[in-house]
Protein backbone atom coordinates (compact mmCIF):
# COMPACT_ATOMS: atom_id res chain seq x y z
CA UNK A 1 -38.00 -17.71 40.60
CA UNK A 2 -39.17 -21.28 40.54
CA UNK A 3 -39.75 -23.37 37.39
CA UNK A 4 -43.51 -22.88 37.32
CA UNK A 5 -43.38 -19.07 37.43
CA UNK A 6 -40.60 -19.07 34.83
CA UNK A 7 -42.72 -21.21 32.51
CA UNK A 8 -45.73 -18.93 33.08
CA UNK A 9 -43.62 -15.85 32.34
CA UNK A 10 -42.26 -17.40 29.09
CA UNK A 11 -45.76 -18.49 28.07
CA UNK A 12 -47.23 -15.06 28.64
CA UNK A 13 -44.35 -13.44 26.76
CA UNK A 14 -44.93 -15.78 23.79
CA UNK A 15 -48.70 -15.13 23.77
CA UNK A 16 -48.05 -11.39 24.02
CA UNK A 17 -45.60 -11.37 21.14
CA UNK A 18 -47.98 -13.42 18.98
CA UNK A 19 -50.82 -10.99 19.79
CA UNK A 20 -48.63 -8.02 18.98
CA UNK A 21 -47.56 -9.55 15.68
CA UNK A 22 -51.23 -10.22 14.78
CA UNK A 23 -52.18 -6.66 15.63
CA UNK A 24 -49.32 -5.22 13.59
CA UNK A 25 -50.05 -7.38 10.56
CA UNK A 26 -53.81 -6.67 10.56
CA UNK A 27 -53.55 -3.53 8.36
CA UNK A 28 -51.69 -5.56 5.73
CA UNK A 29 -54.53 -8.06 5.70
CA UNK A 30 -57.08 -5.41 4.80
CA UNK A 31 -57.04 -5.32 1.01
CA UNK A 32 -58.47 -2.62 -1.16
CA UNK A 33 -61.66 -3.25 -3.08
CA UNK A 34 -62.39 -6.69 -1.54
CA UNK A 35 -59.38 -8.40 -3.13
CA UNK A 36 -57.22 -10.21 -0.55
CA UNK A 37 -54.97 -13.19 -0.53
CA UNK A 38 -57.84 -15.47 -1.53
CA UNK A 39 -58.93 -13.31 -4.42
CA UNK A 40 -62.16 -11.26 -4.67
CA UNK A 41 -64.67 -11.90 -1.92
CA UNK A 42 -67.84 -13.27 -3.43
CA UNK A 43 -71.01 -14.85 -2.10
CA UNK A 44 -69.74 -18.23 -3.32
CA UNK A 45 -66.46 -17.98 -1.35
CA UNK A 46 -68.29 -16.90 1.81
CA UNK A 47 -70.79 -19.70 1.45
CA UNK A 48 -68.05 -22.30 1.04
CA UNK A 49 -66.16 -20.86 4.04
CA UNK A 50 -69.28 -21.12 6.17
CA UNK A 51 -69.89 -24.69 5.01
CA UNK A 52 -66.28 -25.41 6.09
CA UNK A 53 -67.00 -23.95 9.55
CA UNK A 54 -70.13 -26.11 9.82
CA UNK A 55 -68.18 -29.22 8.77
CA UNK A 56 -65.49 -28.38 11.36
CA UNK A 57 -68.07 -28.22 14.16
CA UNK A 58 -69.46 -31.60 13.03
CA UNK A 59 -66.16 -33.41 12.55
CA UNK A 60 -64.21 -31.97 15.49
CA UNK A 61 -66.48 -33.37 18.28
CA UNK A 62 -66.61 -36.75 16.57
CA UNK A 63 -62.82 -36.99 16.26
CA UNK A 64 -62.28 -35.74 19.80
CA UNK A 65 -64.84 -38.23 21.18
CA UNK A 66 -63.12 -41.08 19.42
CA UNK A 67 -59.76 -40.06 20.86
CA UNK A 68 -61.26 -39.82 24.32
CA UNK A 69 -62.90 -43.23 24.03
CA UNK A 70 -59.62 -44.77 22.98
CA UNK A 71 -57.79 -43.11 25.89
CA UNK A 72 -60.50 -44.26 28.35
CA UNK A 73 -60.14 -47.85 27.08
CA UNK A 74 -56.39 -47.64 27.54
CA UNK A 75 -56.83 -46.29 31.08
CA UNK A 76 -59.21 -49.12 31.93
CA UNK A 77 -56.82 -51.78 30.60
CA UNK A 78 -53.96 -50.26 32.62
CA UNK A 79 -56.15 -50.22 35.74
CA UNK A 80 -57.07 -53.88 35.23
CA UNK A 81 -53.41 -54.86 34.79
CA UNK A 82 -52.47 -53.02 37.99
CA UNK A 83 -55.23 -54.77 39.89
CA UNK A 84 -53.95 -58.13 38.64
CA UNK A 85 -50.43 -57.29 39.77
CA UNK A 86 -51.59 -56.10 43.22
CA UNK A 87 -53.92 -59.01 43.91
CA UNK A 88 -52.43 -62.21 42.48
């Protein structure tokens, strides 16, 4: 077994165990009468949760785009430095 297949095997085992744990703990998450870990489910709590999801889909692309722009700038600077070293 080479390193790549060993890594793939370990990764699939980890994902499988996480999935199994999530499936086994799902019945415990179902609370009686709408009262769970966060308290009673109300329209207000669902509205705020949905606003959080909307905010996530607004903020996440902005943050990821800023990270990508910074990495692209770094790549360009490295490329320019390499060109200077190659062609004095």
